[in-house]
PDB file of all heavy atoms in Angstrom:
ATOM      1  N   ALA A   1      96.369  40.676 132.635  1.00  0.00           N
ATOM      2  CA  ALA A   1      97.691  41.025 133.044  1.00  0.00           C
ATOM      3  C   ALA A   1      98.300  42.008 132.031  1.00  0.00           C
ATOM      4  O   ALA A   1      97.599  42.493 131.147  1.00  0.00           O
ATOM      5  CB  ALA A   1      98.607  39.842 133.287  1.00  0.00           C
ATOM      6  N   ALA A   2      99.545  42.271 132.177  1.00  0.00           N
ATOM      7  CA  ALA A   2     100.309  43.048 131.191  1.00  0.00           C
ATOM      8  C   ALA A   2     100.342  42.327 129.885  1.00  0.00           C
ATOM      9  O   ALA A   2     101.050  41.328 129.752  1.00  0.00           O
ATOM     10  CB  ALA A   2     101.696  43.394 131.668  1.00  0.00           C
ATOM     11  N   ALA A   3      99.628  42.774 128.824  1.00  0.00           N
ATOM     12  CA  ALA A   3      99.464  42.013 127.582  1.00  0.00           C
ATOM     13  C   ALA A   3     100.393  42.582 126.499  1.00  0.00           C
ATOM     14  O   ALA A   3     100.694  43.795 126.424  1.00  0.00           O
ATOM     15  CB  ALA A   3      98.030  42.067 127.166  1.00  0.00           C
ATOM     16  N   GLY A   4     100.765  41.712 125.596  1.00  0.00           N
ATOM     17  CA  GLY A   4     101.674  42.105 124.513  1.00  0.00           C
ATOM     18  C   GLY A   4     100.972  43.112 123.568  1.00  0.00           C
ATOM     19  O   GLY A   4     101.665  43.991 122.984  1.00  0.00           O
ATOM     20  N   SER A   5      99.646  42.939 123.294  1.00  0.00           N
ATOM     21  CA  SER A   5      99.039  43.857 122.323  1.00  0.00           C
ATOM     22  C   SER A   5      98.998  45.279 122.851  1.00  0.00           C
ATOM     23  O   SER A   5      99.268  46.169 122.116  1.00  0.00           O
ATOM     24  CB  SER A   5      97.568  43.367 122.170  1.00  0.00           C
ATOM     25  OG  SER A   5      96.903  43.271 123.434  1.00  0.00           O
ATOM     26  N   MET A   6      98.811  45.453 124.163  1.00  0.00           N
ATOM     27  CA  MET A   6      98.879  46.804 124.755  1.00  0.00           C
ATOM     28  C   MET A   6     100.324  47.333 124.786  1.00  0.00           C
ATOM     29  O   MET A   6     100.578  48.499 124.673  1.00  0.00           O
ATOM     30  CB  MET A   6      98.183  46.849 126.076  1.00  0.00           C
ATOM     31  CG  MET A   6      96.782  46.411 126.005  1.00  0.00           C
ATOM     32  SD  MET A   6      95.851  46.744 127.517  1.00  0.00           S
ATOM     33  CE  MET A   6      95.637  48.525 127.459  1.00  0.00           C
ATOM     34  N   ALA A   7     101.259  46.446 125.071  1.00  0.00           N
ATOM     35  CA  ALA A   7     102.696  46.839 125.088  1.00  0.00           C
ATOM     36  C   ALA A   7     103.120  47.392 123.709  1.00  0.00           C
ATOM     37  O   ALA A   7     103.905  48.358 123.650  1.00  0.00           O
ATOM     38  CB  ALA A   7     103.505  45.685 125.503  1.00  0.00           C
ATOM     39  N   LEU A   8     102.649  46.755 122.632  1.00  0.00           N
ATOM     40  CA  LEU A   8     103.026  47.223 121.283  1.00  0.00           C
ATOM     41  C   LEU A   8     102.522  48.573 121.029  1.00  0.00           C
ATOM     42  O   LEU A   8     103.202  49.468 120.454  1.00  0.00           O
ATOM     43  CB  LEU A   8     102.522  46.253 120.266  1.00  0.00           C
ATOM     44  CG  LEU A   8     103.196  44.946 120.094  1.00  0.00           C
ATOM     45  CD1 LEU A   8     102.394  43.963 119.253  1.00  0.00           C
ATOM     46  CD2 LEU A   8     104.559  45.139 119.506  1.00  0.00           C
ATOM     47  N   VAL A   9     101.320  48.927 121.505  1.00  0.00           N
ATOM     48  CA  VAL A   9     100.697  50.244 121.285  1.00  0.00           C
ATOM     49  C   VAL A   9     101.387  51.284 122.127  1.00  0.00           C
ATOM     50  O   VAL A   9     101.642  52.419 121.755  1.00  0.00           O
ATOM     51  CB  VAL A   9      99.161  50.204 121.619  1.00  0.00           C
ATOM     52  CG1 VAL A   9      98.597  51.590 121.508  1.00  0.00           C
ATOM     53  CG2 VAL A   9      98.469  49.213 120.715  1.00  0.00           C
ATOM     54  N   ALA A  10     101.809  50.929 123.347  1.00  0.00           N
ATOM     55  CA  ALA A  10     102.403  51.847 124.311  1.00  0.00           C
ATOM     56  C   ALA A  10     103.936  52.147 123.997  1.00  0.00           C
ATOM     57  O   ALA A  10     104.422  53.113 124.481  1.00  0.00           O
ATOM     58  CB  ALA A  10     102.284  51.326 125.732  1.00  0.00           C
ATOM     59  N   ALA A  11     104.550  51.242 123.242  1.00  0.00           N
ATOM     60  CA  ALA A  11     106.040  51.385 123.056  1.00  0.00           C
ATOM     61  C   ALA A  11     106.416  52.721 122.442  1.00  0.00           C
ATOM     62  O   ALA A  11     107.354  53.359 122.942  1.00  0.00           O
ATOM     63  CB  ALA A  11     106.500  50.247 122.159  1.00  0.00           C
ATOM     64  N   PRO A  12     105.765  53.232 121.402  1.00  0.00           N
ATOM     65  CA  PRO A  12     106.164  54.516 120.860  1.00  0.00           C
ATOM     66  C   PRO A  12     106.085  55.723 121.865  1.00  0.00           C
ATOM     67  O   PRO A  12     106.816  56.610 121.930  1.00  0.00           O
ATOM     68  CB  PRO A  12     105.203  54.707 119.671  1.00  0.00           C
ATOM     69  CG  PRO A  12     104.768  53.403 119.312  1.00  0.00           C
ATOM     70  CD  PRO A  12     104.711  52.649 120.615  1.00  0.00           C
ATOM     71  N   LEU A  13     105.072  55.597 122.730  1.00  0.00           N
ATOM     72  CA  LEU A  13     104.827  56.672 123.753  1.00  0.00           C
ATOM     73  C   LEU A  13     106.003  56.711 124.729  1.00  0.00           C
ATOM     74  O   LEU A  13     106.579  57.786 125.052  1.00  0.00           O
ATOM     75  CB  LEU A  13     103.558  56.404 124.507  1.00  0.00           C
ATOM     76  CG  LEU A  13     103.269  57.394 125.702  1.00  0.00           C
ATOM     77  CD1 LEU A  13     103.053  58.781 125.215  1.00  0.00           C
ATOM     78  CD2 LEU A  13     102.064  56.855 126.488  1.00  0.00           C
ATOM     79  N   VAL A  14     106.466  55.508 125.169  1.00  0.00           N
ATOM     80  CA  VAL A  14     107.556  55.418 126.085  1.00  0.00           C
ATOM     81  C   VAL A  14     108.826  55.890 125.455  1.00  0.00           C
ATOM     82  O   VAL A  14     109.656  56.641 126.013  1.00  0.00           O
ATOM     83  CB  VAL A  14     107.705  53.994 126.652  1.00  0.00           C
ATOM     84  CG1 VAL A  14     108.926  53.865 127.597  1.00  0.00           C
ATOM     85  CG2 VAL A  14     106.471  53.542 127.364  1.00  0.00           C
ATOM     86  N   ARG A  15     109.017  55.461 124.184  1.00  0.00           N
ATOM     87  CA  ARG A  15     110.267  55.868 123.473  1.00  0.00           C
ATOM     88  C   ARG A  15     110.357  57.333 123.161  1.00  0.00           C
ATOM     89  O   ARG A  15     111.442  57.887 123.310  1.00  0.00           O
ATOM     90  CB  ARG A  15     110.269  55.100 122.137  1.00  0.00           C
ATOM     91  CG  ARG A  15     111.596  55.235 121.334  1.00  0.00           C
ATOM     92  CD  ARG A  15     111.653  54.168 120.240  1.00  0.00           C
ATOM     93  NE  ARG A  15     110.468  54.208 119.361  1.00  0.00           N
ATOM     94  CZ  ARG A  15     109.526  53.237 119.291  1.00  0.00           C
ATOM     95  NH1 ARG A  15     109.665  52.192 120.103  1.00  0.00           N
ATOM     96  NH2 ARG A  15     108.558  53.356 118.476  1.00  0.00           N
ATOM     97  N   GLN A  16     109.212  57.979 122.939  1.00  0.00           N
ATOM     98  CA  GLN A  16     109.258  59.372 122.574  1.00  0.00           C
ATOM     99  C   GLN A  16     109.093  60.383 123.780  1.00  0.00           C
ATOM    100  O   GLN A  16     109.645  61.453 123.742  1.00  0.00           O
ATOM    101  CB  GLN A  16     108.211  59.676 121.545  1.00  0.00           C
ATOM    102  CG  GLN A  16     108.333  58.988 120.212  1.00  0.00           C
ATOM    103  CD  GLN A  16     107.142  59.123 119.303  1.00  0.00           C
ATOM    104  OE1 GLN A  16     106.336  60.020 119.453  1.00  0.00           O
ATOM    105  NE2 GLN A  16     107.012  58.259 118.275  1.00  0.00           N
ATOM    106  N   HIS A  17     108.294  59.916 124.795  1.00  0.00           N
ATOM    107  CA  HIS A  17     107.993  60.885 125.907  1.00  0.00           C
ATOM    108  C   HIS A  17     108.430  60.386 127.277  1.00  0.00           C
ATOM    109  O   HIS A  17     108.322  61.169 128.220  1.00  0.00           O
ATOM    110  CB  HIS A  17     106.527  61.173 125.849  1.00  0.00           C
ATOM    111  CG  HIS A  17     106.053  61.791 124.537  1.00  0.00           C
ATOM    112  ND1 HIS A  17     106.315  63.122 124.247  1.00  0.00           N
ATOM    113  CD2 HIS A  17     105.413  61.265 123.462  1.00  0.00           C
ATOM    114  CE1 HIS A  17     105.793  63.352 123.018  1.00  0.00           C
ATOM    115  NE2 HIS A  17     105.209  62.245 122.579  1.00  0.00           N
ATOM    116  N   GLY A  18     108.771  59.122 127.412  1.00  0.00           N
ATOM    117  CA  GLY A  18     109.135  58.667 128.714  1.00  0.00           C
ATOM    118  C   GLY A  18     108.178  57.875 129.489  1.00  0.00           C
ATOM    119  O   GLY A  18     106.927  57.853 129.143  1.00  0.00           O
ATOM    120  N   PHE A  19     108.601  57.271 130.585  1.00  0.00           N
ATOM    121  CA  PHE A  19     107.771  56.364 131.376  1.00  0.00           C
ATOM    122  C   PHE A  19     106.681  57.076 132.148  1.00  0.00           C
ATOM    123  O   PHE A  19     105.590  56.560 132.289  1.00  0.00           O
ATOM    124  CB  PHE A  19     108.747  55.640 132.396  1.00  0.00           C
ATOM    125  CG  PHE A  19     107.958  54.715 133.353  1.00  0.00           C
ATOM    126  CD1 PHE A  19     107.349  53.628 132.868  1.00  0.00           C
ATOM    127  CD2 PHE A  19     107.985  55.071 134.709  1.00  0.00           C
ATOM    128  CE1 PHE A  19     106.630  52.766 133.759  1.00  0.00           C
ATOM    129  CE2 PHE A  19     107.266  54.188 135.570  1.00  0.00           C
ATOM    130  CZ  PHE A  19     106.653  53.048 135.108  1.00  0.00           C
ATOM    131  N   GLN A  20     106.935  58.313 132.580  1.00  0.00           N
ATOM    132  CA  GLN A  20     105.882  59.037 133.318  1.00  0.00           C
ATOM    133  C   GLN A  20     104.656  59.304 132.513  1.00  0.00           C
ATOM    134  O   GLN A  20     103.518  59.235 133.019  1.00  0.00           O
ATOM    135  CB  GLN A  20     106.438  60.392 133.853  1.00  0.00           C
ATOM    136  CG  GLN A  20     107.560  60.235 134.840  1.00  0.00           C
ATOM    137  CD  GLN A  20     107.118  59.465 136.080  1.00  0.00           C
ATOM    138  OE1 GLN A  20     106.013  59.655 136.541  1.00  0.00           O
ATOM    139  NE2 GLN A  20     107.980  58.559 136.648  1.00  0.00           N
ATOM    140  N   TYR A  21     104.823  59.499 131.232  1.00  0.00           N
ATOM    141  CA  TYR A  21     103.590  59.683 130.333  1.00  0.00           C
ATOM    142  C   TYR A  21     102.872  58.382 130.241  1.00  0.00           C
ATOM    143  O   TYR A  21     101.632  58.348 129.986  1.00  0.00           O
ATOM    144  CB  TYR A  21     104.040  60.243 128.980  1.00  0.00           C
ATOM    145  CG  TYR A  21     104.311  61.696 129.022  1.00  0.00           C
ATOM    146  CD1 TYR A  21     105.559  62.225 129.301  1.00  0.00           C
ATOM    147  CD2 TYR A  21     103.263  62.579 128.718  1.00  0.00           C
ATOM    148  CE1 TYR A  21     105.772  63.551 129.330  1.00  0.00           C
ATOM    149  CE2 TYR A  21     103.507  63.952 128.697  1.00  0.00           C
ATOM    150  CZ  TYR A  21     104.732  64.462 129.012  1.00  0.00           C
ATOM    151  OH  TYR A  21     104.953  65.823 129.085  1.00  0.00           O
ATOM    152  N   LEU A  22     103.577  57.245 130.332  1.00  0.00           N
ATOM    153  CA  LEU A  22     102.906  55.963 130.277  1.00  0.00           C
ATOM    154  C   LEU A  22     102.020  55.772 131.531  1.00  0.00           C
ATOM    155  O   LEU A  22     100.887  55.256 131.418  1.00  0.00           O
ATOM    156  CB  LEU A  22     103.932  54.829 130.202  1.00  0.00           C
ATOM    157  CG  LEU A  22     103.325  53.351 130.206  1.00  0.00           C
ATOM    158  CD1 LEU A  22     102.459  53.176 129.093  1.00  0.00           C
ATOM    159  CD2 LEU A  22     104.517  52.391 130.317  1.00  0.00           C
ATOM    160  N   LEU A  23     102.511  56.232 132.642  1.00  0.00           N
ATOM    161  CA  LEU A  23     101.660  56.133 133.887  1.00  0.00           C
ATOM    162  C   LEU A  23     100.401  56.925 133.679  1.00  0.00           C
ATOM    163  O   LEU A  23      99.284  56.501 134.063  1.00  0.00           O
ATOM    164  CB  LEU A  23     102.477  56.612 135.081  1.00  0.00           C
ATOM    165  CG  LEU A  23     103.732  55.811 135.407  1.00  0.00           C
ATOM    166  CD1 LEU A  23     104.339  56.323 136.694  1.00  0.00           C
ATOM    167  CD2 LEU A  23     103.365  54.310 135.571  1.00  0.00           C
ATOM    168  N   ALA A  24     100.566  58.233 133.238  1.00  0.00           N
ATOM    169  CA  ALA A  24      99.348  59.036 133.008  1.00  0.00           C
ATOM    170  C   ALA A  24      98.397  58.429 132.032  1.00  0.00           C
ATOM    171  O   ALA A  24      97.150  58.499 132.226  1.00  0.00           O
ATOM    172  CB  ALA A  24      99.807  60.471 132.552  1.00  0.00           C
ATOM    173  N   THR A  25      98.927  57.812 130.975  1.00  0.00           N
ATOM    174  CA  THR A  25      98.084  57.143 129.964  1.00  0.00           C
ATOM    175  C   THR A  25      97.375  55.931 130.625  1.00  0.00           C
ATOM    176  O   THR A  25      96.191  55.779 130.321  1.00  0.00           O
ATOM    177  CB  THR A  25      98.971  56.685 128.770  1.00  0.00           C
ATOM    178  OG1 THR A  25      99.612  57.822 128.246  1.00  0.00           O
ATOM    179  CG2 THR A  25      98.138  56.007 127.776  1.00  0.00           C
ATOM    180  N   THR A  26      98.051  55.154 131.396  1.00  0.00           N
ATOM    181  CA  THR A  26      97.472  53.992 131.994  1.00  0.00           C
ATOM    182  C   THR A  26      96.249  54.354 132.885  1.00  0.00           C
ATOM    183  O   THR A  26      95.205  53.707 132.865  1.00  0.00           O
ATOM    184  CB  THR A  26      98.490  53.231 132.841  1.00  0.00           C
ATOM    185  OG1 THR A  26      99.551  52.813 131.960  1.00  0.00           O
ATOM    186  CG2 THR A  26      97.865  51.951 133.457  1.00  0.00           C
ATOM    187  N   ILE A  27      96.445  55.373 133.708  1.00  0.00           N
ATOM    188  CA  ILE A  27      95.285  55.845 134.558  1.00  0.00           C
ATOM    189  C   ILE A  27      94.207  56.321 133.728  1.00  0.00           C
ATOM    190  O   ILE A  27      93.010  56.072 134.001  1.00  0.00           O
ATOM    191  CB  ILE A  27      95.861  56.972 135.557  1.00  0.00           C
ATOM    192  CG1 ILE A  27      96.932  56.344 136.447  1.00  0.00           C
ATOM    193  CG2 ILE A  27      94.697  57.531 136.295  1.00  0.00           C
ATOM    194  CD1 ILE A  27      97.624  57.425 137.288  1.00  0.00           C
ATOM    195  N   SER A  28      94.474  57.063 132.677  1.00  0.00           N
ATOM    196  CA  SER A  28      93.446  57.587 131.827  1.00  0.00           C
ATOM    197  C   SER A  28      92.712  56.446 131.084  1.00  0.00           C
ATOM    198  O   SER A  28      91.461  56.528 130.908  1.00  0.00           O
ATOM    199  CB  SER A  28      94.005  58.632 130.820  1.00  0.00           C
ATOM    200  OG  SER A  28      94.645  59.643 131.409  1.00  0.00           O
ATOM    201  N   VAL A  29      93.416  55.424 130.621  1.00  0.00           N
ATOM    202  CA  VAL A  29      92.817  54.301 130.044  1.00  0.00           C
ATOM    203  C   VAL A  29      91.890  53.593 130.960  1.00  0.00           C
ATOM    204  O   VAL A  29      90.716  53.206 130.578  1.00  0.00           O
ATOM    205  CB  VAL A  29      93.918  53.315 129.516  1.00  0.00           C
ATOM    206  CG1 VAL A  29      93.278  51.912 129.120  1.00  0.00           C
ATOM    207  CG2 VAL A  29      94.670  53.889 128.278  1.00  0.00           C
ATOM    208  N   GLY A  30      92.319  53.394 132.258  1.00  0.00           N
ATOM    209  CA  GLY A  30      91.417  52.795 133.215  1.00  0.00           C
ATOM    210  C   GLY A  30      90.164  53.577 133.458  1.00  0.00           C
ATOM    211  O   GLY A  30      89.028  53.009 133.504  1.00  0.00           O
ATOM    212  N   ALA A  31      90.338  54.883 133.519  1.00  0.00           N
ATOM    213  CA  ALA A  31      89.131  55.749 133.716  1.00  0.00           C
ATOM    214  C   ALA A  31      88.154  55.635 132.557  1.00  0.00           C
ATOM    215  O   ALA A  31      86.904  55.576 132.735  1.00  0.00           O
ATOM    216  CB  ALA A  31      89.537  57.230 133.952  1.00  0.00           C
ATOM    217  N   LEU A  32      88.646  55.664 131.299  1.00  0.00           N
ATOM    218  CA  LEU A  32      87.821  55.552 130.156  1.00  0.00           C
ATOM    219  C   LEU A  32      87.178  54.216 130.068  1.00  0.00           C
ATOM    220  O   LEU A  32      85.973  54.140 129.757  1.00  0.00           O
ATOM    221  CB  LEU A  32      88.692  55.841 128.889  1.00  0.00           C
ATOM    222  CG  LEU A  32      87.871  55.898 127.555  1.00  0.00           C
ATOM    223  CD1 LEU A  32      86.732  56.847 127.629  1.00  0.00           C
ATOM    224  CD2 LEU A  32      88.789  56.200 126.392  1.00  0.00           C
ATOM    225  N   MET A  33      87.878  53.140 130.419  1.00  0.00           N
ATOM    226  CA  MET A  33      87.301  51.805 130.447  1.00  0.00           C
ATOM    227  C   MET A  33      86.115  51.740 131.426  1.00  0.00           C
ATOM    228  O   MET A  33      85.057  51.174 131.116  1.00  0.00           O
ATOM    229  CB  MET A  33      88.330  50.758 130.729  1.00  0.00           C
ATOM    230  CG  MET A  33      89.292  50.405 129.637  1.00  0.00           C
ATOM    231  SD  MET A  33      90.477  49.120 130.149  1.00  0.00           S
ATOM    232  CE  MET A  33      91.358  48.835 128.632  1.00  0.00           C
ATOM    233  N   PHE A  34      86.335  52.391 132.578  1.00  0.00           N
ATOM    234  CA  PHE A  34      85.345  52.350 133.608  1.00  0.00           C
ATOM    235  C   PHE A  34      84.050  53.070 133.116  1.00  0.00           C
ATOM    236  O   PHE A  34      82.937  52.540 133.300  1.00  0.00           O
ATOM    237  CB  PHE A  34      85.886  53.049 134.855  1.00  0.00           C
ATOM    238  CG  PHE A  34      84.901  53.092 136.000  1.00  0.00           C
ATOM    239  CD1 PHE A  34      84.721  51.950 136.800  1.00  0.00           C
ATOM    240  CD2 PHE A  34      84.138  54.201 136.265  1.00  0.00           C
ATOM    241  CE1 PHE A  34      83.793  51.972 137.844  1.00  0.00           C
ATOM    242  CE2 PHE A  34      83.245  54.267 137.336  1.00  0.00           C
ATOM    243  CZ  PHE A  34      83.058  53.129 138.127  1.00  0.00           C
ATOM    244  N   VAL A  35      84.229  54.215 132.500  1.00  0.00           N
ATOM    245  CA  VAL A  35      83.057  54.906 131.998  1.00  0.00           C
ATOM    246  C   VAL A  35      82.365  54.166 130.889  1.00  0.00           C
ATOM    247  O   VAL A  35      81.123  54.058 130.839  1.00  0.00           O
ATOM    248  CB  VAL A  35      83.496  56.352 131.506  1.00  0.00           C
ATOM    249  CG1 VAL A  35      82.328  57.072 130.807  1.00  0.00           C
ATOM    250  CG2 VAL A  35      84.027  57.189 132.687  1.00  0.00           C
ATOM    251  N   LEU A  36      83.159  53.614 129.934  1.00  0.00           N
ATOM    252  CA  LEU A  36      82.533  52.840 128.791  1.00  0.00           C
ATOM    253  C   LEU A  36      81.782  51.622 129.376  1.00  0.00           C
ATOM    254  O   LEU A  36      80.808  51.214 128.799  1.00  0.00           O
ATOM    255  CB  LEU A  36      83.582  52.480 127.851  1.00  0.00           C
ATOM    256  CG  LEU A  36      84.258  53.663 127.058  1.00  0.00           C
ATOM    257  CD1 LEU A  36      85.286  53.123 126.137  1.00  0.00           C
ATOM    258  CD2 LEU A  36      83.175  54.420 126.256  1.00  0.00           C
ATOM    259  N   GLY A  37      82.361  51.017 130.394  1.00  0.00           N
ATOM    260  CA  GLY A  37      81.683  49.843 130.979  1.00  0.00           C
ATOM    261  C   GLY A  37      80.350  50.227 131.629  1.00  0.00           C
ATOM    262  O   GLY A  37      79.347  49.497 131.491  1.00  0.00           O
ATOM    263  N   LEU A  38      80.305  51.405 132.255  1.00  0.00           N
ATOM    264  CA  LEU A  38      79.075  51.836 132.884  1.00  0.00           C
ATOM    265  C   LEU A  38      77.950  52.192 131.829  1.00  0.00           C
ATOM    266  O   LEU A  38      76.809  51.929 132.032  1.00  0.00           O
ATOM    267  CB  LEU A  38      79.292  53.025 133.757  1.00  0.00           C
ATOM    268  CG  LEU A  38      80.129  52.800 135.044  1.00  0.00           C
ATOM    269  CD1 LEU A  38      80.300  54.116 135.849  1.00  0.00           C
ATOM    270  CD2 LEU A  38      79.469  51.738 135.939  1.00  0.00           C
ATOM    271  N   VAL A  39      78.406  52.767 130.718  1.00  0.00           N
ATOM    272  CA  VAL A  39      77.395  53.148 129.692  1.00  0.00           C
ATOM    273  C   VAL A  39      76.980  51.986 128.804  1.00  0.00           C
ATOM    274  O   VAL A  39      76.119  52.174 127.927  1.00  0.00           O
ATOM    275  CB  VAL A  39      77.926  54.362 128.828  1.00  0.00           C
ATOM    276  CG1 VAL A  39      78.277  55.492 129.749  1.00  0.00           C
ATOM    277  CG2 VAL A  39      79.191  53.923 128.050  1.00  0.00           C
ATOM    278  N   GLY A  40      77.671  50.853 129.012  1.00  0.00           N
ATOM    279  CA  GLY A  40      77.216  49.646 128.233  1.00  0.00           C
ATOM    280  C   GLY A  40      77.802  49.491 126.870  1.00  0.00           C
ATOM    281  O   GLY A  40      77.237  48.802 126.026  1.00  0.00           O
TER     282      GLY A  40
END
């Protein structure tokens, strides 16, 4: 679920650039996790 460890990392991004950049980051994080999972 929404975890505190990731919230701490994302907080400066939201504070400096806004919520929309958080959405773009979340999608990119998911894509990178997917690729890393496939490559082992």
